[in-house]
Amino acid sequence: MKVTKEKCHCHVVLLEPEIPQNTGNIGRLCVGMGAKLHLIKPFGFVLNDKSLKRAGLDYWQYLDHQIYENWKEFLSFRTAEDKLYFLSKKQGKVFYKASLSPGSFLIFGKETKGLPEFLLNEHKDQVLTVPMFGPVRSYNLSNTVAMVLSEVIRQIKF
């Protein structure tokens, strides 16, 4: 895939997002970084929610995004060549030690539960984590997406 400086050419996948402000902020981030946003239902909000709009919906006219009814539908659009990475606070290789590249799919779970165990177990070699050194339960989802997208950009040498 040819990389241009205008886009990072990667994919952010939110599996069953629950908090509209996070989804709006991530949408805005994807517009700014040139990433495609994939949203997998069910959502914990309505897409035209006022909170979503405040957090970034006014940028959504520029957002490259796709909505799926469920995980199975999302997978039906993938090919064997697609690189899928599953982000987890529980396990995995530290994200900056992975070889992230244009076209990578960065998959994030629900804010309250993360990704389902079956996905983490089925894809053990593709699970990544963001290290936590202090006494926090987890990072905010939109902050985590920003950290990982920034690493993709660093690795493809923008």
N, C-alpha and C. Protein backbone atom coordinates (compact mmCIF):
# COMPACT_ATOMS: atom_id res chain seq x y z
N MET A 1 0.84 -1.17 0.00
CA MET A 1 0.00 0.00 0.00
C MET A 1 0.89 1.24 0.00
N LYS A 2 0.63 2.17 -0.88
CA LYS A 2 1.38 3.41 -0.93
C LYS A 2 0.89 4.32 0.19
N VAL A 3 1.81 4.85 0.95
CA VAL A 3 1.48 5.72 2.07
C VAL A 3 1.68 7.16 1.64
N THR A 4 0.72 8.00 1.96
CA THR A 4 0.86 9.43 1.71
C THR A 4 0.95 10.15 3.05
N LYS A 5 1.51 11.32 3.04
CA LYS A 5 1.62 12.07 4.28
C LYS A 5 0.27 12.58 4.76
N GLU A 6 -0.73 12.54 3.92
CA GLU A 6 -2.04 13.04 4.31
C GLU A 6 -2.82 12.04 5.16
N LYS A 7 -2.44 10.77 5.14
CA LYS A 7 -3.21 9.74 5.84
C LYS A 7 -2.28 8.70 6.44
N CYS A 8 -2.76 8.08 7.53
CA CYS A 8 -1.97 6.97 8.09
C CYS A 8 -2.43 5.64 7.50
N HIS A 9 -3.53 5.63 6.77
CA HIS A 9 -4.01 4.43 6.06
C HIS A 9 -4.17 3.23 6.98
N CYS A 10 -4.68 3.45 8.17
CA CYS A 10 -4.96 2.32 9.05
C CYS A 10 -6.42 2.38 9.46
N HIS A 11 -6.84 1.40 10.21
CA HIS A 11 -8.24 1.23 10.56
C HIS A 11 -8.40 1.14 12.07
N VAL A 12 -9.33 1.91 12.61
CA VAL A 12 -9.69 1.82 14.02
C VAL A 12 -11.04 1.13 14.08
N VAL A 13 -11.12 0.06 14.88
CA VAL A 13 -12.34 -0.72 15.00
C VAL A 13 -12.82 -0.62 16.44
N LEU A 14 -14.06 -0.16 16.64
CA LEU A 14 -14.66 -0.10 17.97
C LEU A 14 -15.75 -1.16 18.04
N LEU A 15 -15.53 -2.16 18.88
CA LEU A 15 -16.50 -3.23 19.07
C LEU A 15 -17.44 -2.85 20.21
N GLU A 16 -18.68 -2.59 19.86
CA GLU A 16 -19.75 -2.27 20.81
C GLU A 16 -19.40 -1.09 21.73
N PRO A 17 -19.05 0.06 21.15
CA PRO A 17 -18.73 1.22 21.99
C PRO A 17 -19.94 1.65 22.82
N GLU A 18 -19.65 2.14 24.03
CA GLU A 18 -20.72 2.48 24.97
C GLU A 18 -20.86 3.97 25.26
N ILE A 19 -19.79 4.71 25.13
CA ILE A 19 -19.77 6.11 25.56
C ILE A 19 -19.67 7.02 24.35
N PRO A 20 -20.71 7.83 24.11
CA PRO A 20 -20.73 8.65 22.89
C PRO A 20 -19.58 9.64 22.80
N GLN A 21 -19.17 10.21 23.93
CA GLN A 21 -18.07 11.18 23.89
C GLN A 21 -16.78 10.52 23.39
N ASN A 22 -16.52 9.29 23.81
CA ASN A 22 -15.33 8.59 23.32
C ASN A 22 -15.42 8.35 21.82
N THR A 23 -16.57 7.87 21.37
CA THR A 23 -16.73 7.57 19.94
C THR A 23 -16.60 8.84 19.11
N GLY A 24 -17.19 9.93 19.58
CA GLY A 24 -17.07 11.20 18.87
C GLY A 24 -15.63 11.68 18.80
N ASN A 25 -14.95 11.58 19.92
CA ASN A 25 -13.55 12.00 19.96
C ASN A 25 -12.67 11.12 19.06
N ILE A 26 -12.93 9.83 19.06
CA ILE A 26 -12.18 8.90 18.20
C ILE A 26 -12.48 9.19 16.73
N GLY A 27 -13.73 9.51 16.41
CA GLY A 27 -14.07 9.90 15.04
C GLY A 27 -13.29 11.12 14.60
N ARG A 28 -13.22 12.10 15.48
CA ARG A 28 -12.47 13.33 15.19
C ARG A 28 -10.98 13.00 14.99
N LEU A 29 -10.45 12.15 15.85
CA LEU A 29 -9.06 11.72 15.74
C LEU A 29 -8.80 11.02 14.41
N CYS A 30 -9.71 10.15 14.00
CA CYS A 30 -9.57 9.44 12.72
C CYS A 30 -9.58 10.40 11.54
N VAL A 31 -10.43 11.43 11.60
CA VAL A 31 -10.43 12.44 10.54
C VAL A 31 -9.07 13.12 10.48
N GLY A 32 -8.57 13.52 11.63
CA GLY A 32 -7.29 14.23 11.69
C GLY A 32 -6.10 13.39 11.24
N MET A 33 -6.16 12.10 11.49
CA MET A 33 -5.03 11.23 11.16
C MET A 33 -5.23 10.43 9.88
N GLY A 34 -6.39 10.56 9.26
CA GLY A 34 -6.62 9.85 8.01
C GLY A 34 -6.85 8.36 8.18
N ALA A 35 -7.42 7.97 9.30
CA ALA A 35 -7.73 6.56 9.55
C ALA A 35 -9.21 6.31 9.28
N LYS A 36 -9.54 5.09 8.91
CA LYS A 36 -10.95 4.72 8.73
C LYS A 36 -11.48 4.17 10.06
N LEU A 37 -12.69 4.56 10.41
CA LEU A 37 -13.32 4.10 11.65
C LEU A 37 -14.38 3.06 11.32
N HIS A 38 -14.29 1.92 11.98
CA HIS A 38 -15.26 0.83 11.84
C HIS A 38 -16.00 0.71 13.17
N LEU A 39 -17.33 0.82 13.13
CA LEU A 39 -18.15 0.73 14.34
C LEU A 39 -19.00 -0.52 14.27
N ILE A 40 -18.89 -1.35 15.32
CA ILE A 40 -19.63 -2.62 15.35
C ILE A 40 -20.69 -2.55 16.43
N LYS A 41 -21.94 -2.76 16.04
CA LYS A 41 -23.08 -2.72 16.96
C LYS A 41 -23.10 -3.95 17.86
N PRO A 42 -23.87 -3.84 18.97
CA PRO A 42 -24.73 -2.73 19.38
C PRO A 42 -23.93 -1.62 20.05
N PHE A 43 -24.45 -0.40 19.94
CA PHE A 43 -23.85 0.77 20.57
C PHE A 43 -24.58 1.04 21.89
N GLY A 44 -23.91 1.73 22.79
CA GLY A 44 -24.53 2.14 24.04
C GLY A 44 -25.15 3.53 23.93
N PHE A 45 -25.41 3.99 22.73
CA PHE A 45 -25.93 5.34 22.48
C PHE A 45 -26.53 5.36 21.08
N VAL A 46 -27.17 6.47 20.76
CA VAL A 46 -27.71 6.69 19.42
C VAL A 46 -26.68 7.54 18.66
N LEU A 47 -26.41 7.20 17.42
CA LEU A 47 -25.35 7.90 16.68
C LEU A 47 -25.57 9.40 16.56
N ASN A 48 -26.78 9.87 16.65
CA ASN A 48 -26.99 11.32 16.58
C ASN A 48 -27.09 11.95 17.96
N ASP A 49 -26.64 11.23 18.97
CA ASP A 49 -26.64 11.68 20.36
C ASP A 49 -25.93 13.04 20.49
N LYS A 50 -26.50 13.93 21.32
CA LYS A 50 -25.94 15.26 21.53
C LYS A 50 -24.50 15.20 22.05
N SER A 51 -24.21 14.24 22.92
CA SER A 51 -22.85 14.10 23.45
C SER A 51 -21.86 13.71 22.36
N LEU A 52 -22.31 12.86 21.45
CA LEU A 52 -21.47 12.45 20.33
C LEU A 52 -21.16 13.66 19.45
N LYS A 53 -22.18 14.48 19.21
CA LYS A 53 -22.00 15.66 18.37
C LYS A 53 -20.99 16.63 18.99
N ARG A 54 -21.11 16.86 20.29
CA ARG A 54 -20.18 17.76 20.95
C ARG A 54 -18.74 17.26 20.86
N ALA A 55 -18.58 15.95 20.90
CA ALA A 55 -17.23 15.37 20.91
C ALA A 55 -16.62 15.21 19.52
N GLY A 56 -17.38 15.38 18.48
CA GLY A 56 -16.75 15.25 17.17
C GLY A 56 -17.65 15.01 15.99
N LEU A 57 -18.97 14.94 16.20
CA LEU A 57 -19.86 14.61 15.09
C LEU A 57 -19.83 15.68 14.00
N ASP A 58 -19.50 16.92 14.36
CA ASP A 58 -19.43 17.96 13.33
C ASP A 58 -18.30 17.69 12.33
N TYR A 59 -17.40 16.78 12.66
CA TYR A 59 -16.34 16.37 11.74
C TYR A 59 -16.74 15.14 10.94
N TRP A 60 -17.86 14.51 11.27
CA TRP A 60 -18.21 13.23 10.66
C TRP A 60 -18.52 13.31 9.18
N GLN A 61 -18.78 14.48 8.67
CA GLN A 61 -18.97 14.59 7.22
C GLN A 61 -17.66 14.28 6.49
N TYR A 62 -16.54 14.40 7.19
CA TYR A 62 -15.23 14.11 6.61
C TYR A 62 -14.72 12.72 6.99
N LEU A 63 -15.43 12.03 7.88
CA LEU A 63 -14.97 10.76 8.42
C LEU A 63 -15.24 9.61 7.46
N ASP A 64 -14.20 8.84 7.18
CA ASP A 64 -14.35 7.59 6.43
C ASP A 64 -14.72 6.54 7.46
N HIS A 65 -15.95 6.08 7.43
CA HIS A 65 -16.39 5.11 8.44
C HIS A 65 -17.36 4.11 7.86
N GLN A 66 -17.49 3.01 8.57
CA GLN A 66 -18.43 1.96 8.19
C GLN A 66 -19.03 1.39 9.46
N ILE A 67 -20.31 1.04 9.39
CA ILE A 67 -21.03 0.48 10.54
C ILE A 67 -21.43 -0.95 10.21
N TYR A 68 -21.25 -1.83 11.18
CA TYR A 68 -21.57 -3.25 11.03
C TYR A 68 -22.59 -3.65 12.09
N GLU A 69 -23.45 -4.58 11.76
CA GLU A 69 -24.47 -5.04 12.70
C GLU A 69 -23.87 -5.89 13.82
N ASN A 70 -22.76 -6.58 13.54
CA ASN A 70 -22.15 -7.46 14.55
C ASN A 70 -20.74 -7.84 14.11
N TRP A 71 -20.03 -8.56 14.98
CA TRP A 71 -18.66 -8.98 14.71
C TRP A 71 -18.57 -9.86 13.46
N LYS A 72 -19.53 -10.74 13.31
CA LYS A 72 -19.53 -11.65 12.16
C LYS A 72 -19.61 -10.87 10.84
N GLU A 73 -20.44 -9.85 10.80
CA GLU A 73 -20.52 -9.03 9.58
C GLU A 73 -19.20 -8.31 9.33
N PHE A 74 -18.59 -7.78 10.36
CA PHE A 74 -17.28 -7.13 10.20
C PHE A 74 -16.27 -8.10 9.58
N LEU A 75 -16.22 -9.33 10.12
CA LEU A 75 -15.27 -10.33 9.60
C LEU A 75 -15.55 -10.68 8.14
N SER A 76 -16.81 -10.63 7.73
CA SER A 76 -17.15 -10.99 6.35
C SER A 76 -16.52 -10.03 5.34
N PHE A 77 -16.13 -8.85 5.78
CA PHE A 77 -15.49 -7.87 4.90
C PHE A 77 -13.97 -7.95 4.94
N ARG A 78 -13.41 -8.79 5.77
CA ARG A 78 -11.96 -8.91 5.91
C ARG A 78 -11.41 -9.96 4.96
N THR A 79 -10.12 -9.81 4.64
CA THR A 79 -9.43 -10.80 3.82
C THR A 79 -8.31 -11.43 4.65
N ALA A 80 -7.74 -12.51 4.16
CA ALA A 80 -6.65 -13.18 4.87
C ALA A 80 -5.42 -12.28 4.99
N GLU A 81 -5.28 -11.32 4.10
CA GLU A 81 -4.12 -10.42 4.13
C GLU A 81 -4.26 -9.31 5.16
N ASP A 82 -5.46 -9.04 5.63
CA ASP A 82 -5.67 -7.97 6.61
C ASP A 82 -4.93 -8.29 7.91
N LYS A 83 -4.23 -7.31 8.45
CA LYS A 83 -3.54 -7.47 9.72
C LYS A 83 -4.44 -6.94 10.83
N LEU A 84 -4.90 -7.84 11.69
CA LEU A 84 -5.78 -7.48 12.79
C LEU A 84 -4.98 -7.49 14.09
N TYR A 85 -5.11 -6.42 14.87
CA TYR A 85 -4.49 -6.33 16.19
C TYR A 85 -5.58 -6.04 17.21
N PHE A 86 -5.55 -6.77 18.30
CA PHE A 86 -6.57 -6.69 19.34
C PHE A 86 -5.95 -6.04 20.57
N LEU A 87 -6.50 -4.90 21.00
CA LEU A 87 -5.94 -4.18 22.14
C LEU A 87 -6.61 -4.64 23.43
N SER A 88 -5.78 -4.92 24.43
CA SER A 88 -6.28 -5.42 25.71
C SER A 88 -5.45 -4.85 26.85
N LYS A 89 -6.10 -4.59 27.97
CA LYS A 89 -5.34 -4.17 29.15
C LYS A 89 -4.82 -5.38 29.91
N LYS A 90 -5.31 -6.57 29.58
CA LYS A 90 -5.02 -7.78 30.35
C LYS A 90 -3.78 -8.53 29.90
N GLN A 91 -3.50 -8.50 28.61
CA GLN A 91 -2.42 -9.34 28.09
C GLN A 91 -1.93 -8.78 26.77
N GLY A 92 -0.85 -9.37 26.27
CA GLY A 92 -0.38 -9.02 24.94
C GLY A 92 1.00 -8.39 24.93
N LYS A 93 1.51 -8.26 23.72
CA LYS A 93 2.79 -7.60 23.46
C LYS A 93 2.57 -6.10 23.59
N VAL A 94 3.56 -5.40 24.11
CA VAL A 94 3.46 -3.95 24.22
C VAL A 94 3.34 -3.37 22.81
N PHE A 95 2.38 -2.49 22.60
CA PHE A 95 2.01 -2.04 21.25
C PHE A 95 3.17 -1.45 20.47
N TYR A 96 4.10 -0.77 21.11
CA TYR A 96 5.19 -0.16 20.36
C TYR A 96 6.28 -1.16 19.97
N LYS A 97 6.15 -2.41 20.41
CA LYS A 97 7.08 -3.45 19.97
C LYS A 97 6.52 -4.26 18.80
N ALA A 98 5.28 -4.00 18.43
CA ALA A 98 4.66 -4.67 17.29
C ALA A 98 5.02 -3.92 16.01
N SER A 99 5.04 -4.63 14.90
CA SER A 99 5.28 -4.00 13.60
C SER A 99 3.95 -3.55 13.02
N LEU A 100 3.57 -2.34 13.35
CA LEU A 100 2.32 -1.77 12.85
C LEU A 100 2.60 -1.14 11.50
N SER A 101 1.67 -1.30 10.59
CA SER A 101 1.92 -0.83 9.23
C SER A 101 0.64 -0.26 8.63
N PRO A 102 0.76 0.45 7.51
CA PRO A 102 -0.43 0.92 6.83
C PRO A 102 -1.35 -0.26 6.54
N GLY A 103 -2.63 -0.06 6.73
CA GLY A 103 -3.60 -1.12 6.50
C GLY A 103 -3.93 -1.93 7.73
N SER A 104 -3.21 -1.71 8.84
CA SER A 104 -3.49 -2.45 10.08
C SER A 104 -4.88 -2.10 10.62
N PHE A 105 -5.54 -3.11 11.18
CA PHE A 105 -6.81 -2.93 11.86
C PHE A 105 -6.55 -2.98 13.36
N LEU A 106 -6.82 -1.90 14.06
CA LEU A 106 -6.62 -1.80 15.51
C LEU A 106 -7.98 -1.95 16.17
N ILE A 107 -8.19 -3.06 16.86
CA ILE A 107 -9.52 -3.41 17.37
C ILE A 107 -9.58 -3.17 18.87
N PHE A 108 -10.55 -2.35 19.27
CA PHE A 108 -10.74 -1.97 20.67
C PHE A 108 -12.12 -2.42 21.13
N GLY A 109 -12.20 -2.84 22.40
CA GLY A 109 -13.46 -3.33 22.95
C GLY A 109 -14.24 -2.26 23.69
N LYS A 110 -15.30 -2.71 24.35
CA LYS A 110 -16.16 -1.84 25.14
C LYS A 110 -15.35 -1.13 26.22
N GLU A 111 -15.78 0.07 26.55
CA GLU A 111 -15.11 0.83 27.60
C GLU A 111 -15.16 0.10 28.94
N THR A 112 -16.25 -0.58 29.24
CA THR A 112 -16.40 -1.20 30.56
C THR A 112 -15.84 -2.61 30.66
N LYS A 113 -15.74 -3.33 29.54
CA LYS A 113 -15.35 -4.74 29.59
C LYS A 113 -14.17 -5.09 28.70
N GLY A 114 -13.83 -4.23 27.78
CA GLY A 114 -12.77 -4.57 26.83
C GLY A 114 -13.27 -5.56 25.79
N LEU A 115 -12.34 -6.25 25.17
CA LEU A 115 -12.70 -7.25 24.16
C LEU A 115 -13.11 -8.55 24.82
N PRO A 116 -14.01 -9.30 24.18
CA PRO A 116 -14.41 -10.60 24.73
C PRO A 116 -13.22 -11.57 24.80
N GLU A 117 -13.22 -12.39 25.83
CA GLU A 117 -12.13 -13.36 26.03
C GLU A 117 -11.93 -14.27 24.82
N PHE A 118 -13.03 -14.67 24.15
CA PHE A 118 -12.88 -15.59 23.02
C PHE A 118 -12.04 -14.97 21.92
N LEU A 119 -12.16 -13.66 21.70
CA LEU A 119 -11.33 -13.00 20.67
C LEU A 119 -9.86 -12.98 21.09
N LEU A 120 -9.61 -12.67 22.35
CA LEU A 120 -8.24 -12.63 22.84
C LEU A 120 -7.60 -14.01 22.77
N ASN A 121 -8.37 -15.03 23.10
CA ASN A 121 -7.86 -16.41 23.06
C ASN A 121 -7.63 -16.90 21.64
N GLU A 122 -8.51 -16.53 20.72
CA GLU A 122 -8.38 -16.97 19.32
C GLU A 122 -7.23 -16.27 18.58
N HIS A 123 -6.84 -15.10 19.07
CA HIS A 123 -5.85 -14.28 18.36
C HIS A 123 -4.68 -13.90 19.27
N LYS A 124 -4.21 -14.83 20.08
CA LYS A 124 -3.18 -14.54 21.09
C LYS A 124 -1.95 -13.83 20.51
N ASP A 125 -1.54 -14.21 19.33
CA ASP A 125 -0.34 -13.61 18.74
C ASP A 125 -0.55 -12.20 18.22
N GLN A 126 -1.80 -11.77 18.15
CA GLN A 126 -2.10 -10.43 17.63
C GLN A 126 -2.65 -9.51 18.72
N VAL A 127 -2.53 -9.92 19.98
CA VAL A 127 -3.02 -9.09 21.08
C VAL A 127 -1.92 -8.12 21.51
N LEU A 128 -2.29 -6.86 21.61
CA LEU A 128 -1.37 -5.81 22.03
C LEU A 128 -1.90 -5.15 23.30
N THR A 129 -1.00 -4.56 24.05
CA THR A 129 -1.40 -3.85 25.26
C THR A 129 -0.64 -2.53 25.36
N VAL A 130 -1.22 -1.60 26.09
CA VAL A 130 -0.57 -0.33 26.42
C VAL A 130 -0.16 -0.45 27.88
N PRO A 131 1.13 -0.32 28.18
CA PRO A 131 1.56 -0.53 29.57
C PRO A 131 0.98 0.52 30.51
N MET A 132 0.70 0.08 31.73
CA MET A 132 0.24 0.97 32.80
C MET A 132 1.21 0.81 33.96
N PHE A 133 1.80 1.90 34.38
CA PHE A 133 2.80 1.85 35.44
C PHE A 133 2.27 2.35 36.78
N GLY A 134 1.18 3.05 36.76
CA GLY A 134 0.61 3.58 38.00
C GLY A 134 -0.64 2.83 38.40
N PRO A 135 -1.21 3.20 39.53
CA PRO A 135 -2.38 2.49 40.06
C PRO A 135 -3.69 2.92 39.39
N VAL A 136 -3.80 2.65 38.09
CA VAL A 136 -5.04 2.96 37.38
C VAL A 136 -5.66 1.65 36.88
N ARG A 137 -6.97 1.62 36.83
CA ARG A 137 -7.69 0.43 36.37
C ARG A 137 -7.53 0.25 34.86
N SER A 138 -7.60 1.36 34.14
CA SER A 138 -7.47 1.33 32.69
C SER A 138 -7.31 2.75 32.18
N TYR A 139 -6.96 2.88 30.91
CA TYR A 139 -6.91 4.18 30.26
C TYR A 139 -8.25 4.45 29.58
N ASN A 140 -8.55 5.71 29.37
CA ASN A 140 -9.72 6.09 28.60
C ASN A 140 -9.55 5.57 27.17
N LEU A 141 -10.63 5.07 26.60
CA LEU A 141 -10.58 4.47 25.27
C LEU A 141 -10.03 5.43 24.22
N SER A 142 -10.53 6.65 24.19
CA SER A 142 -10.07 7.58 23.15
C SER A 142 -8.59 7.93 23.33
N ASN A 143 -8.11 7.99 24.58
CA ASN A 143 -6.68 8.22 24.81
C ASN A 143 -5.85 7.04 24.31
N THR A 144 -6.34 5.83 24.54
CA THR A 144 -5.64 4.63 24.09
C THR A 144 -5.55 4.60 22.57
N VAL A 145 -6.65 4.91 21.91
CA VAL A 145 -6.65 4.95 20.44
C VAL A 145 -5.62 5.98 19.96
N ALA A 146 -5.58 7.14 20.60
CA ALA A 146 -4.62 8.18 20.20
C ALA A 146 -3.18 7.70 20.36
N MET A 147 -2.89 7.01 21.47
CA MET A 147 -1.53 6.51 21.68
C MET A 147 -1.13 5.52 20.58
N VAL A 148 -2.02 4.59 20.28
CA VAL A 148 -1.68 3.54 19.31
C VAL A 148 -1.62 4.11 17.89
N LEU A 149 -2.54 4.99 17.53
CA LEU A 149 -2.48 5.61 16.20
C LEU A 149 -1.20 6.43 16.03
N SER A 150 -0.79 7.11 17.08
CA SER A 150 0.46 7.88 17.01
C SER A 150 1.65 6.96 16.76
N GLU A 151 1.62 5.78 17.35
CA GLU A 151 2.70 4.82 17.12
C GLU A 151 2.70 4.31 15.68
N VAL A 152 1.52 4.10 15.11
CA VAL A 152 1.46 3.71 13.69
C VAL A 152 2.13 4.78 12.84
N ILE A 153 1.80 6.02 13.10
CA ILE A 153 2.38 7.12 12.33
C ILE A 153 3.90 7.17 12.53
N ARG A 154 4.36 6.99 13.76
CA ARG A 154 5.80 6.99 14.01
C ARG A 154 6.49 5.88 13.23
N GLN A 155 5.88 4.69 13.23
CA GLN A 155 6.51 3.55 12.56
C GLN A 155 6.54 3.69 11.04
N ILE A 156 5.56 4.38 10.48
CA ILE A 156 5.60 4.54 9.02
C ILE A 156 6.31 5.83 8.63
N LYS A 157 6.96 6.44 9.61
CA LYS A 157 7.90 7.54 9.42
C LYS A 157 7.30 8.80 8.81
N PHE A 158 6.24 9.26 9.40
CA PHE A 158 5.71 10.55 8.98
C PHE A 158 6.60 11.65 9.50
